[in-house]
Amino acid sequence: MGKPATKGAAKAPVEENIVDIDVASEMRTSFLEYSYSVIYARALPDARDGLKPVQRRILFQMDQMGLRPDRGHVKSSRVVGDVMGRLHPHGDVAIYDAMVRLAQSFTMRVPLVDGHGNFGSLDDGPAASRYTEARLTPAALAMTASLDEDVVDMVPNYDNTLTQPEVLPAALPNLLVNGSSGIAVGMATNMPPHNLVEVVAGARHLLTHPDATLEDVMRFIPGPDLPEGGKIVGLEGVREAYATGRGTFKTRATAHVESITARKKGIVFTELPYLVGPEKIIDKLKDAINAKKIQGVTGVQNLTDRHHGMRLVVEVKNGFNPEAVLLQLYRHTPLEDSFGINNVALVEGQPRALGLLDLLRVYVEHRLDVTRRRSRFRLDRARRELHLVEGLLVAVLDIDRVIAVIRSSEDAGEARSRLRESFDLSEEQAEYILELRLRRLTKYSVVELERRKAELLDDIAELTGILDSPERLRDVVGGELEEVAKAHGTPRRTVLLESDGSAKASVPLEVSDDPCWALLSATGLVARTADAAPPSREGPRAPHDA
């Protein structure tokens, strides 16, 4: 047996590799790399399709999974897992949060994900992904349409095993229609939603009038259109944002006064400002009442349900003017809120602040490029098919000779060569004939092939005309936009008010307690009159207020 190892045996020295660096330079480099990652890969949307990378990957993966509107929902956790494993190597919570936002009708003007289950509300968060289900909406199919026709560049995923689109074709002008929000490093974006029909009208006008001014386009897009309706008061901030990319506007709840009981009136709110929930309003209202900032309110009830929609009732104390109480509510609660527009998006990989015209131009150019690439792809495909059909017609018209050549050949390679020599065919045509099924070699197939040849010639002429004529290309893009607006557009929900209604600030809070006379008629009717003198008893007198 060998000798045992000595306990105190010296170990081999460990080689040290210490690199001296400048801490300031290292921090600067690391911070720049982090900033770049947040700006380009997480927080800011692309101006072409209006999507952040995680949103784009969710829609692309759901499209690859076949989660179309005519098929059943699947578990949200399955979608999140596939997106995380294949395309987006980040936390599942961030992916699910992004998918939830795409499904919320109070956040998106045109939702892109059809959620089944509890996807949250303005006051509460969604259920966990294992409890909810999802699929694409019809509008989402417009975002991913023609992806298999080489309309956009495909880039590798995080481990170079799969490819994903650099940008979606986006037949829907998503950035303006659904808006966006995100906080990057040193910059942020905050864009309000707009009406699809109005945005399409503005884009089509820009297609036919490339030199259109901002005033021209604003005739079609007068202002944002928020998912929950409400009112936008004062449009100066909107105009400033449309011109420069930055501005502020006020959103206000929609309200009316009605009688709650025989003697008590209430203010009923049926539409709230953008992303403001009723519970938040109730909390702020209670705080304002306790601080004595608001007077004349006896209570508040949230009567919102799925059947009647939003209904928030604020009870007004007897003797107080409801219009004056309403002005107090606007002043001291989120029933009137501000929205700061900051139109920052990526254009050719660079973050830029964009006005309305710039946003429309970037989108229109993207759709022109997508349509041009799609037409070129379809033209090449039609030409290849026409080439094969012409070769097949040659073979069918002399089928006995074709069969004789094939039968007398030793192998497929010799048959291919002899067919090319005998019938003056190309390599592709000869290979196609060899793979032909016998059931197509009928008299009817000749008629069918001739008809298909005529269709292909018409398609080639149409596609060539689109590619050769910029006017026809713009007509095609405009026509497709019109179809999208017809299929997915809805009427405007938000009312635009030029003035903020400050003239109503002079409304007195309390109703004056003036003396009056009460009258009782012989038939039992009760009326009152505000006359200072007692009513005359000479002859009948019509009551002022029955």
Protein backbone atom coordinates (compact mmCIF):
# COMPACT_ATOMS: atom_id res chain seq x y z
CA MET A 1 0.00 0.00 0.00
CA GLY A 2 1.17 3.50 -0.78
CA LYS A 3 2.06 6.01 1.86
CA PRO A 4 -0.81 8.24 3.06
CA ALA A 5 -0.74 11.82 1.87
CA THR A 6 0.90 14.21 4.26
CA LYS A 7 -1.59 16.55 5.87
CA GLY A 8 0.63 19.53 5.67
CA ALA A 9 1.56 19.06 1.98
CA ALA A 10 1.86 22.37 0.17
CA LYS A 11 -0.85 23.14 -2.45
CA ALA A 12 0.00 24.41 -5.92
CA PRO A 13 -0.11 28.21 -6.02
CA VAL A 14 -3.30 29.68 -7.59
CA GLU A 15 -2.61 31.96 -10.52
CA GLU A 16 -4.12 35.41 -9.94
CA ASN A 17 -5.43 37.59 -12.76
CA ILE A 18 -6.24 41.04 -11.49
CA VAL A 19 -7.09 43.71 -14.05
CA ASP A 20 -6.99 47.35 -13.08
CA ILE A 21 -9.85 49.36 -14.59
CA ASP A 22 -11.12 52.88 -14.34
CA VAL A 23 -14.34 52.67 -12.31
CA ALA A 24 -15.84 55.79 -13.88
CA SER A 25 -15.26 54.47 -17.39
CA GLU A 26 -16.61 51.02 -16.51
CA MET A 27 -19.76 52.48 -14.91
CA ARG A 28 -20.31 54.73 -17.92
CA THR A 29 -20.01 51.82 -20.35
CA SER A 30 -22.22 49.51 -18.29
CA PHE A 31 -24.87 52.17 -17.82
CA LEU A 32 -24.94 52.93 -21.55
CA GLU A 33 -25.37 49.24 -22.38
CA TYR A 34 -28.19 48.96 -19.85
CA SER A 35 -29.84 52.12 -21.19
CA TYR A 36 -29.59 50.82 -24.75
CA SER A 37 -31.20 47.51 -23.75
CA VAL A 38 -34.10 49.20 -21.93
CA ILE A 39 -34.76 51.73 -24.70
CA TYR A 40 -34.57 49.39 -27.69
CA ALA A 41 -35.56 46.01 -26.29
CA ARG A 42 -38.17 46.80 -23.65
CA ALA A 43 -39.76 50.20 -23.06
CA LEU A 44 -40.31 52.07 -26.36
CA PRO A 45 -42.61 51.00 -29.20
CA ASP A 46 -41.64 50.89 -32.84
CA ALA A 47 -43.33 53.70 -34.77
CA ARG A 48 -44.27 51.30 -37.59
CA ASP A 49 -46.38 48.70 -35.76
CA GLY A 50 -46.72 50.52 -32.42
CA LEU A 51 -45.56 47.50 -30.43
CA LYS A 52 -42.85 46.91 -27.87
CA PRO A 53 -40.73 43.77 -28.39
CA VAL A 54 -42.63 41.72 -25.81
CA GLN A 55 -46.01 42.65 -27.33
CA ARG A 56 -44.77 41.83 -30.82
CA ARG A 57 -43.48 38.45 -29.68
CA ILE A 58 -46.75 37.64 -27.94
CA LEU A 59 -48.82 38.32 -31.06
CA PHE A 60 -46.36 36.50 -33.32
CA GLN A 61 -46.20 33.42 -31.10
CA MET A 62 -49.99 33.29 -30.69
CA ASP A 63 -50.28 33.48 -34.48
CA GLN A 64 -47.75 30.63 -34.81
CA MET A 65 -49.77 28.61 -32.29
CA GLY A 66 -52.90 29.07 -34.42
CA LEU A 67 -54.87 30.86 -31.68
CA ARG A 68 -57.24 32.50 -34.14
CA PRO A 69 -60.69 33.97 -33.36
CA ASP A 70 -62.50 30.96 -34.86
CA ARG A 71 -60.73 28.52 -32.52
CA GLY A 72 -60.96 27.92 -28.81
CA HIS A 73 -59.14 29.77 -26.06
CA VAL A 74 -56.05 28.23 -24.46
CA LYS A 75 -54.54 28.76 -21.03
CA SER A 76 -52.68 32.04 -20.73
CA SER A 77 -49.86 30.23 -18.92
CA ARG A 78 -49.28 28.15 -22.06
CA VAL A 79 -48.92 31.28 -24.18
CA VAL A 80 -46.61 32.87 -21.62
CA GLY A 81 -44.48 29.72 -21.47
CA ASP A 82 -44.11 29.46 -25.24
CA VAL A 83 -43.24 33.16 -25.59
CA MET A 84 -40.68 32.95 -22.78
CA GLY A 85 -39.09 29.73 -24.00
CA ARG A 86 -38.91 30.60 -27.68
CA LEU A 87 -38.64 34.37 -28.05
CA HIS A 88 -38.55 36.44 -24.86
CA PRO A 89 -36.10 35.17 -22.22
CA HIS A 90 -37.38 37.36 -19.39
CA GLY A 91 -39.75 36.89 -16.48
CA ASP A 92 -43.15 35.33 -17.02
CA VAL A 93 -44.79 38.09 -14.96
CA ALA A 94 -43.69 40.78 -17.44
CA ILE A 95 -44.96 38.72 -20.39
CA TYR A 96 -48.34 38.09 -18.76
CA ASP A 97 -48.73 41.76 -17.79
CA ALA A 98 -48.11 42.76 -21.41
CA MET A 99 -50.65 40.20 -22.67
CA VAL A 100 -53.23 41.38 -20.14
CA ARG A 101 -52.88 44.96 -21.38
CA LEU A 102 -53.46 43.80 -24.96
CA ALA A 103 -56.78 42.27 -23.82
CA GLN A 104 -58.19 45.10 -21.67
CA SER A 105 -60.96 47.00 -23.42
CA PHE A 106 -60.59 49.95 -21.02
CA THR A 107 -56.89 50.29 -21.92
CA MET A 108 -56.88 49.48 -25.64
CA ARG A 109 -59.19 51.23 -28.09
CA VAL A 110 -59.03 48.10 -30.30
CA PRO A 111 -57.94 45.09 -28.17
CA LEU A 112 -55.60 42.61 -29.85
CA VAL A 113 -56.06 39.67 -27.45
CA ASP A 114 -59.43 38.07 -26.68
CA GLY A 115 -59.24 37.25 -22.98
CA HIS A 116 -61.51 34.74 -21.26
CA GLY A 117 -61.67 35.05 -17.49
CA ASN A 118 -60.68 37.77 -15.05
CA PHE A 119 -58.32 40.10 -16.91
CA GLY A 120 -58.64 42.83 -14.31
CA SER A 121 -60.46 46.13 -14.04
CA LEU A 122 -59.56 49.75 -13.46
CA ASP A 123 -59.39 49.08 -9.72
CA ASP A 124 -58.26 45.44 -9.50
CA GLY A 125 -55.54 43.36 -11.11
CA PRO A 126 -56.08 40.24 -13.25
CA ALA A 127 -56.22 36.66 -12.07
CA ALA A 128 -53.09 34.52 -12.38
CA SER A 129 -52.23 33.17 -15.82
CA ARG A 130 -53.20 29.63 -14.82
CA TYR A 131 -56.81 30.79 -14.34
CA THR A 132 -57.32 32.76 -17.56
CA GLU A 133 -57.45 31.87 -21.25
CA ALA A 134 -56.68 33.82 -24.40
CA ARG A 135 -56.70 33.88 -28.19
CA LEU A 136 -56.21 36.53 -30.88
CA THR A 137 -58.91 39.00 -31.86
CA PRO A 138 -59.84 39.63 -35.53
CA ALA A 139 -57.97 42.94 -35.33
CA ALA A 140 -54.78 41.08 -34.33
CA LEU A 141 -54.96 39.06 -37.54
CA ALA A 142 -54.65 42.35 -39.43
CA MET A 143 -51.44 42.99 -37.50
CA THR A 144 -49.89 39.63 -38.49
CA ALA A 145 -51.40 39.23 -41.99
CA SER A 146 -49.04 38.14 -44.83
CA LEU A 147 -46.12 37.30 -42.52
CA ASP A 148 -45.40 34.26 -44.72
CA GLU A 149 -44.99 36.43 -47.84
CA ASP A 150 -41.63 38.04 -47.04
CA VAL A 151 -43.21 41.39 -46.14
CA VAL A 152 -40.84 42.12 -43.22
CA ASP A 153 -37.32 41.10 -42.23
CA MET A 154 -36.95 38.11 -39.93
CA VAL A 155 -34.27 38.20 -37.24
CA PRO A 156 -32.84 35.47 -34.97
CA ASN A 157 -34.28 34.90 -31.52
CA TYR A 158 -32.17 35.12 -28.37
CA ASP A 159 -30.35 31.78 -28.94
CA ASN A 160 -30.28 31.78 -32.78
CA THR A 161 -32.48 28.68 -33.04
CA LEU A 162 -35.61 30.40 -34.38
CA THR A 163 -36.53 33.54 -36.27
CA GLN A 164 -38.98 36.28 -35.39
CA PRO A 165 -40.23 39.37 -37.26
CA GLU A 166 -38.30 42.57 -36.74
CA VAL A 167 -41.64 44.39 -37.07
CA LEU A 168 -45.19 43.22 -37.81
CA PRO A 169 -46.88 44.09 -41.15
CA ALA A 170 -49.51 46.03 -39.16
CA ALA A 171 -52.43 46.61 -41.52
CA LEU A 172 -53.93 48.35 -38.46
CA PRO A 173 -52.36 51.74 -37.48
CA ASN A 174 -51.81 50.42 -33.97
CA LEU A 175 -49.60 53.11 -32.43
CA LEU A 176 -52.13 55.91 -32.91
CA VAL A 177 -55.21 53.73 -32.39
CA ASN A 178 -54.15 52.04 -29.15
CA GLY A 179 -51.49 54.43 -27.88
CA SER A 180 -48.58 53.33 -25.72
CA SER A 181 -46.84 54.01 -22.42
CA GLY A 182 -43.41 53.12 -21.12
CA ILE A 183 -40.52 54.41 -19.05
CA ALA A 184 -37.01 53.94 -20.38
CA VAL A 185 -33.73 55.39 -19.13
CA GLY A 186 -33.70 59.14 -19.58
CA MET A 187 -36.87 59.13 -21.66
CA ALA A 188 -40.48 57.95 -21.57
CA THR A 189 -43.46 57.61 -23.88
CA ASN A 190 -47.13 58.28 -23.19
CA MET A 191 -49.52 58.23 -26.13
CA PRO A 192 -53.34 58.35 -25.97
CA PRO A 193 -55.63 56.12 -28.07
CA HIS A 194 -57.44 57.43 -31.17
CA ASN A 195 -60.41 56.39 -33.27
CA LEU A 196 -59.55 53.83 -35.95
CA VAL A 197 -61.92 55.27 -38.57
CA GLU A 198 -60.48 58.77 -38.10
CA VAL A 199 -56.85 57.61 -38.20
CA VAL A 200 -57.48 55.62 -41.38
CA ALA A 201 -59.16 58.66 -42.96
CA GLY A 202 -56.12 60.79 -42.08
CA ALA A 203 -53.70 58.17 -43.41
CA ARG A 204 -55.63 57.83 -46.67
CA HIS A 205 -55.65 61.60 -47.09
CA LEU A 206 -51.87 61.60 -46.61
CA LEU A 207 -51.55 58.83 -49.20
CA THR A 208 -53.32 60.90 -51.84
CA HIS A 209 -51.89 64.25 -50.66
CA PRO A 210 -48.27 63.68 -49.53
CA ASP A 211 -47.79 67.43 -48.97
CA ALA A 212 -50.77 67.73 -46.59
CA THR A 213 -50.37 70.06 -43.62
CA LEU A 214 -51.17 69.36 -39.98
CA GLU A 215 -54.39 71.39 -40.27
CA ASP A 216 -55.47 69.23 -43.21
CA VAL A 217 -54.94 66.01 -41.28
CA MET A 218 -56.60 67.35 -38.12
CA ARG A 219 -59.83 67.74 -40.07
CA PHE A 220 -59.90 63.92 -40.03
CA ILE A 221 -58.21 63.36 -36.63
CA PRO A 222 -59.50 66.14 -34.35
CA GLY A 223 -58.28 64.57 -31.11
CA PRO A 224 -57.85 61.39 -29.04
CA ASP A 225 -60.70 58.94 -28.62
CA LEU A 226 -60.49 57.21 -25.24
CA PRO A 227 -61.80 53.64 -24.70
CA GLU A 228 -64.15 54.59 -21.85
CA GLY A 229 -65.46 57.74 -23.52
CA GLY A 230 -65.63 60.83 -21.32
CA LYS A 231 -64.80 64.35 -22.43
CA ILE A 232 -61.63 66.15 -23.43
CA VAL A 233 -61.85 69.82 -22.45
CA GLY A 234 -59.54 72.42 -23.96
CA LEU A 235 -57.86 71.38 -27.21
CA GLU A 236 -54.84 73.67 -27.16
CA GLY A 237 -52.70 70.98 -25.56
CA VAL A 238 -53.83 68.46 -28.18
CA ARG A 239 -52.86 70.79 -31.01
CA GLU A 240 -49.48 71.41 -29.40
CA ALA A 241 -48.86 67.67 -29.07
CA TYR A 242 -49.89 67.05 -32.68
CA ALA A 243 -47.40 69.71 -33.79
CA THR A 244 -44.42 68.96 -31.53
CA GLY A 245 -45.02 65.52 -30.04
CA ARG A 246 -45.57 66.87 -26.50
CA GLY A 247 -48.60 68.44 -24.85
CA THR A 248 -51.23 68.09 -22.12
CA PHE A 249 -55.01 67.86 -22.16
CA LYS A 250 -57.71 67.38 -19.54
CA THR A 251 -60.13 64.49 -19.48
CA ARG A 252 -63.43 64.85 -17.68
CA ALA A 253 -66.10 62.37 -16.63
CA THR A 254 -69.50 62.44 -18.32
CA ALA A 255 -72.26 63.29 -15.83
CA HIS A 256 -75.91 64.25 -15.61
CA VAL A 257 -78.22 65.22 -12.75
CA GLU A 258 -81.25 63.11 -11.95
CA SER A 259 -83.68 62.64 -9.07
CA ILE A 260 -82.64 59.79 -6.79
CA THR A 261 -85.70 60.09 -4.55
CA ALA A 262 -88.71 62.36 -4.55
CA ARG A 263 -86.80 65.08 -2.67
CA LYS A 264 -83.13 64.34 -3.34
CA LYS A 265 -81.05 64.81 -6.45
CA GLY A 266 -77.86 63.06 -7.43
CA ILE A 267 -75.04 63.43 -9.95
CA VAL A 268 -74.68 60.25 -12.06
CA PHE A 269 -71.36 59.57 -13.81
CA THR A 270 -71.59 57.18 -16.75
CA GLU A 271 -68.11 57.66 -18.27
CA LEU A 272 -64.86 58.23 -16.37
CA PRO A 273 -61.50 59.72 -17.41
CA TYR A 274 -58.93 57.48 -19.07
CA LEU A 275 -57.56 54.75 -16.73
CA VAL A 276 -59.38 56.15 -13.66
CA GLY A 277 -61.47 53.61 -11.72
CA PRO A 278 -64.55 54.28 -9.56
CA GLU A 279 -62.91 53.04 -6.34
CA LYS A 280 -60.10 55.56 -6.74
CA ILE A 281 -62.67 58.33 -7.18
CA ILE A 282 -64.60 57.23 -4.09
CA ASP A 283 -61.45 57.25 -1.96
CA LYS A 284 -60.43 60.72 -3.15
CA LEU A 285 -63.99 62.01 -2.67
CA LYS A 286 -64.07 60.81 0.94
CA ASP A 287 -60.71 62.43 1.62
CA ALA A 288 -61.91 65.73 0.12
CA ILE A 289 -65.12 65.66 2.18
CA ASN A 290 -63.18 64.97 5.39
CA ALA A 291 -60.83 67.86 4.55
CA LYS A 292 -63.91 70.06 3.94
CA LYS A 293 -62.83 70.80 0.37
CA ILE A 294 -66.18 69.56 -0.95
CA GLN A 295 -69.57 70.53 0.47
CA GLY A 296 -73.08 69.44 -0.35
CA VAL A 297 -72.41 65.69 -0.76
CA THR A 298 -74.22 63.21 1.50
CA GLY A 299 -72.97 59.96 0.01
CA VAL A 300 -71.65 58.07 -3.02
CA GLN A 301 -72.65 54.71 -4.48
CA ASN A 302 -70.94 52.58 -7.11
CA LEU A 303 -73.80 50.91 -9.01
CA THR A 304 -71.64 49.71 -11.92
CA ASP A 305 -72.47 46.27 -13.32
CA ARG A 306 -72.08 44.31 -16.55
CA HIS A 307 -75.64 44.96 -17.72
CA HIS A 308 -75.92 48.72 -17.14
CA GLY A 309 -72.25 49.69 -17.45
CA MET A 310 -70.63 52.50 -15.49
CA ARG A 311 -72.92 54.19 -12.95
CA LEU A 312 -71.34 56.15 -10.11
CA VAL A 313 -73.95 58.13 -8.11
CA VAL A 314 -73.00 61.09 -5.89
CA GLU A 315 -75.90 62.18 -3.66
CA VAL A 316 -76.39 65.97 -3.32
CA LYS A 317 -77.60 67.48 -0.06
CA ASN A 318 -80.90 69.35 -0.19
CA GLY A 319 -80.42 73.06 -0.66
CA PHE A 320 -77.21 72.71 -2.73
CA ASN A 321 -76.92 73.37 -6.45
CA PRO A 322 -75.89 70.12 -8.24
CA GLU A 323 -74.04 72.06 -10.98
CA ALA A 324 -71.89 73.82 -8.37
CA VAL A 325 -71.24 70.54 -6.55
CA LEU A 326 -70.18 69.01 -9.88
CA LEU A 327 -67.59 71.76 -10.37
CA GLN A 328 -66.20 70.97 -6.91
CA LEU A 329 -65.95 67.29 -7.81
CA TYR A 330 -64.05 68.11 -11.00
CA ARG A 331 -61.68 70.36 -9.07
CA HIS A 332 -60.86 68.09 -6.12
CA THR A 333 -61.20 64.49 -7.42
CA PRO A 334 -59.90 62.47 -10.40
CA LEU A 335 -63.25 63.01 -12.15
CA GLU A 336 -61.19 65.56 -14.05
CA ASP A 337 -57.67 64.37 -14.81
CA SER A 338 -54.71 65.48 -16.91
CA PHE A 339 -53.01 63.39 -19.58
CA GLY A 340 -49.50 64.32 -20.66
CA ILE A 341 -48.77 63.39 -24.27
CA ASN A 342 -45.17 62.39 -25.01
CA ASN A 343 -45.00 60.80 -28.46
CA VAL A 344 -41.61 59.08 -28.27
CA ALA A 345 -41.12 56.02 -30.51
CA LEU A 346 -38.35 54.24 -32.38
CA VAL A 347 -37.78 55.35 -35.98
CA GLU A 348 -35.08 53.40 -37.84
CA GLY A 349 -33.73 52.31 -34.48
CA GLN A 350 -33.55 55.81 -33.02
CA PRO A 351 -35.91 57.25 -30.36
CA ARG A 352 -37.70 60.35 -31.65
CA ALA A 353 -40.47 62.66 -30.50
CA LEU A 354 -43.07 62.61 -33.27
CA GLY A 355 -45.97 64.87 -34.14
CA LEU A 356 -49.15 63.63 -35.76
CA LEU A 357 -47.88 64.10 -39.32
CA ASP A 358 -44.63 62.28 -38.56
CA LEU A 359 -46.48 59.36 -36.98
CA LEU A 360 -48.75 59.03 -40.00
CA ARG A 361 -45.88 59.32 -42.49
CA VAL A 362 -43.84 56.60 -40.77
CA TYR A 363 -46.84 54.27 -40.76
CA VAL A 364 -47.81 55.01 -44.37
CA GLU A 365 -44.23 54.40 -45.58
CA HIS A 366 -44.21 51.11 -43.68
CA ARG A 367 -47.44 49.96 -45.33
CA LEU A 368 -46.14 50.99 -48.75
CA ASP A 369 -43.00 48.92 -48.17
CA VAL A 370 -45.01 45.94 -46.90
CA THR A 371 -47.36 46.05 -49.91
CA ARG A 372 -44.42 46.43 -52.31
CA ARG A 373 -42.61 43.42 -50.85
CA ARG A 374 -45.81 41.35 -50.79
CA SER A 375 -46.56 42.19 -54.43
CA ARG A 376 -43.02 41.24 -55.44
CA PHE A 377 -43.29 37.94 -53.57
CA ARG A 378 -46.64 37.13 -55.16
CA LEU A 379 -45.33 38.09 -58.59
CA ASP A 380 -42.36 35.72 -58.28
CA ARG A 381 -44.64 32.96 -57.04
CA ALA A 382 -47.09 33.49 -59.90
CA ARG A 383 -44.29 33.43 -62.46
CA ARG A 384 -42.91 30.17 -61.04
CA GLU A 385 -46.35 28.57 -61.11
CA LEU A 386 -46.97 29.80 -64.66
CA HIS A 387 -43.68 28.27 -65.73
CA LEU A 388 -44.73 24.89 -64.29
CA VAL A 389 -48.23 25.10 -65.78
CA GLU A 390 -46.81 25.79 -69.25
CA GLY A 391 -44.53 22.77 -68.97
CA LEU A 392 -47.41 20.62 -67.77
CA LEU A 393 -49.54 21.71 -70.73
CA VAL A 394 -46.79 20.56 -73.08
CA ALA A 395 -46.73 17.16 -71.40
CA VAL A 396 -50.51 16.71 -71.29
CA LEU A 397 -50.92 17.55 -74.98
CA ASP A 398 -48.47 14.77 -75.90
CA ILE A 399 -48.95 12.46 -72.95
CA ASP A 400 -48.34 9.18 -74.81
CA ARG A 401 -44.90 10.31 -75.86
CA VAL A 402 -44.12 11.53 -72.32
CA ILE A 403 -45.05 8.12 -70.88
CA ALA A 404 -42.96 6.35 -73.48
CA VAL A 405 -39.92 8.46 -72.64
CA ILE A 406 -40.32 7.81 -68.92
CA ARG A 407 -40.86 4.05 -69.31
CA SER A 408 -37.84 3.63 -71.56
CA SER A 409 -35.51 5.45 -69.12
CA GLU A 410 -33.26 3.59 -66.68
CA ASP A 411 -33.81 5.95 -63.73
CA ALA A 412 -35.34 9.29 -62.78
CA GLY A 413 -32.22 11.24 -63.71
CA GLU A 414 -32.21 9.85 -67.26
CA ALA A 415 -35.97 10.42 -67.58
CA ARG A 416 -35.52 14.03 -66.50
CA SER A 417 -32.76 14.64 -69.05
CA ARG A 418 -34.66 13.00 -71.92
CA LEU A 419 -37.82 14.96 -71.12
CA ARG A 420 -35.86 18.22 -71.22
CA GLU A 421 -34.33 17.32 -74.58
CA SER A 422 -37.51 15.95 -76.15
CA PHE A 423 -39.90 18.71 -75.12
CA ASP A 424 -37.54 21.65 -74.57
CA LEU A 425 -38.37 21.88 -70.86
CA SER A 426 -36.49 23.40 -67.96
CA GLU A 427 -35.16 21.43 -64.98
CA GLU A 428 -38.10 22.53 -62.80
CA GLN A 429 -40.69 21.64 -65.46
CA ALA A 430 -39.24 18.18 -66.03
CA GLU A 431 -39.09 17.44 -62.30
CA TYR A 432 -42.69 18.63 -61.90
CA ILE A 433 -43.89 16.32 -64.68
CA LEU A 434 -42.11 13.34 -63.12
CA GLU A 435 -43.92 14.00 -59.83
CA LEU A 436 -47.29 14.38 -61.56
CA ARG A 437 -50.13 12.08 -60.47
CA LEU A 438 -51.80 10.07 -63.19
CA ARG A 439 -55.29 11.21 -62.25
CA ARG A 440 -54.45 14.71 -63.52
CA LEU A 441 -53.68 13.34 -67.01
CA THR A 442 -57.26 13.63 -68.21
CA LYS A 443 -58.94 15.63 -70.92
CA TYR A 444 -60.48 17.88 -68.28
CA SER A 445 -57.07 18.74 -66.89
CA VAL A 446 -56.19 20.54 -70.13
CA VAL A 447 -59.16 22.87 -69.71
CA GLU A 448 -58.29 23.35 -66.05
CA LEU A 449 -54.66 24.15 -66.87
CA GLU A 450 -55.62 26.63 -69.57
CA ARG A 451 -57.93 28.41 -67.17
CA ARG A 452 -55.24 28.49 -64.49
CA LYS A 453 -52.76 29.87 -67.02
CA ALA A 454 -55.14 32.71 -67.89
CA GLU A 455 -55.65 33.50 -64.18
CA LEU A 456 -51.90 33.59 -63.59
CA LEU A 457 -51.35 35.91 -66.55
CA ASP A 458 -53.99 38.28 -65.16
CA ASP A 459 -52.38 38.16 -61.71
CA ILE A 460 -48.94 38.84 -63.16
CA ALA A 461 -50.24 41.82 -65.12
CA GLU A 462 -51.98 43.20 -62.00
CA LEU A 463 -48.95 42.77 -59.73
CA THR A 464 -46.58 44.20 -62.34
CA GLY A 465 -48.84 47.24 -62.64
CA ILE A 466 -48.77 47.75 -58.86
CA LEU A 467 -44.98 47.53 -58.72
CA ASP A 468 -44.47 49.81 -61.74
CA SER A 469 -46.92 52.51 -60.67
CA PRO A 470 -46.56 54.42 -57.36
CA GLU A 471 -50.13 55.70 -57.77
CA ARG A 472 -51.56 52.19 -58.00
CA LEU A 473 -49.45 51.10 -55.03
CA ARG A 474 -50.91 53.92 -52.95
CA ASP A 475 -54.42 53.01 -54.12
CA VAL A 476 -53.91 49.42 -52.93
CA VAL A 477 -52.68 50.56 -49.52
CA GLY A 478 -55.57 53.03 -49.19
CA GLY A 479 -58.11 50.38 -50.16
CA GLU A 480 -56.76 47.91 -47.60
CA LEU A 481 -56.87 50.57 -44.89
CA GLU A 482 -60.49 51.30 -45.75
CA GLU A 483 -61.34 47.60 -45.40
CA VAL A 484 -59.66 47.49 -41.98
CA ALA A 485 -61.65 50.55 -40.85
CA LYS A 486 -64.92 48.96 -42.01
CA ALA A 487 -64.14 45.66 -40.30
CA HIS A 488 -62.88 46.94 -36.95
CA GLY A 489 -63.88 50.61 -36.68
CA THR A 490 -66.42 51.94 -34.18
CA PRO A 491 -67.99 55.38 -33.68
CA ARG A 492 -66.19 58.01 -31.62
CA ARG A 493 -66.75 57.69 -27.87
CA THR A 494 -64.99 60.77 -26.46
CA VAL A 495 -66.56 64.22 -26.78
CA LEU A 496 -64.15 67.04 -27.66
CA LEU A 497 -64.85 70.44 -26.05
CA GLU A 498 -62.95 73.55 -27.10
CA SER A 499 -63.66 75.29 -23.76
CA ASP A 500 -63.18 73.86 -20.28
CA GLY A 501 -66.48 75.29 -19.07
CA SER A 502 -64.87 77.75 -16.65
CA ALA A 503 -67.81 80.11 -17.14
CA LYS A 504 -69.84 77.80 -14.88
CA ALA A 505 -67.56 78.61 -11.95
CA SER A 506 -69.90 81.45 -10.97
CA VAL A 507 -72.77 79.05 -10.22
CA PRO A 508 -73.73 79.51 -6.53
CA LEU A 509 -73.14 76.46 -4.36
CA GLU A 510 -76.32 76.74 -2.26
CA VAL A 511 -79.81 77.32 -3.65
CA SER A 512 -81.21 80.62 -2.30
CA ASP A 513 -84.06 80.16 0.18
CA ASP A 514 -86.56 82.69 -1.27
CA PRO A 515 -90.12 82.96 0.11
CA CYS A 516 -92.94 81.61 -2.05
CA TRP A 517 -96.68 80.94 -1.98
CA ALA A 518 -98.14 77.44 -2.12
CA LEU A 519 -101.46 76.99 -3.93
CA LEU A 520 -103.98 74.17 -3.69
CA SER A 521 -106.55 73.99 -6.47
CA ALA A 522 -110.10 72.71 -6.18
CA THR A 523 -109.08 69.57 -8.07
CA GLY A 524 -106.28 68.74 -5.62
CA LEU A 525 -103.28 70.04 -7.61
CA VAL A 526 -100.45 71.68 -5.70
CA ALA A 527 -98.36 74.50 -7.15
CA ARG A 528 -96.09 77.28 -5.99
CA THR A 529 -95.36 80.84 -7.03
CA ALA A 530 -92.36 83.04 -6.31
CA ASP A 531 -94.40 86.25 -6.36
CA ALA A 532 -93.73 88.57 -3.42
CA ALA A 533 -97.43 89.50 -3.11
CA PRO A 534 -100.11 86.95 -2.27
CA PRO A 535 -101.91 85.61 -5.35
CA SER A 536 -105.18 87.30 -6.29
CA ARG A 537 -108.37 85.41 -5.57
CA GLU A 538 -110.19 87.01 -8.47
CA GLY A 539 -110.70 84.29 -11.03
CA PRO A 540 -108.62 81.23 -11.75
CA ARG A 541 -104.83 81.55 -12.06
CA ALA A 542 -102.58 79.09 -13.81
CA PRO A 543 -99.91 77.64 -11.48
CA HIS A 544 -96.29 78.38 -12.30
CA ASP A 545 -95.03 74.94 -11.39
CA ALA A 546 -97.34 71.94 -11.38
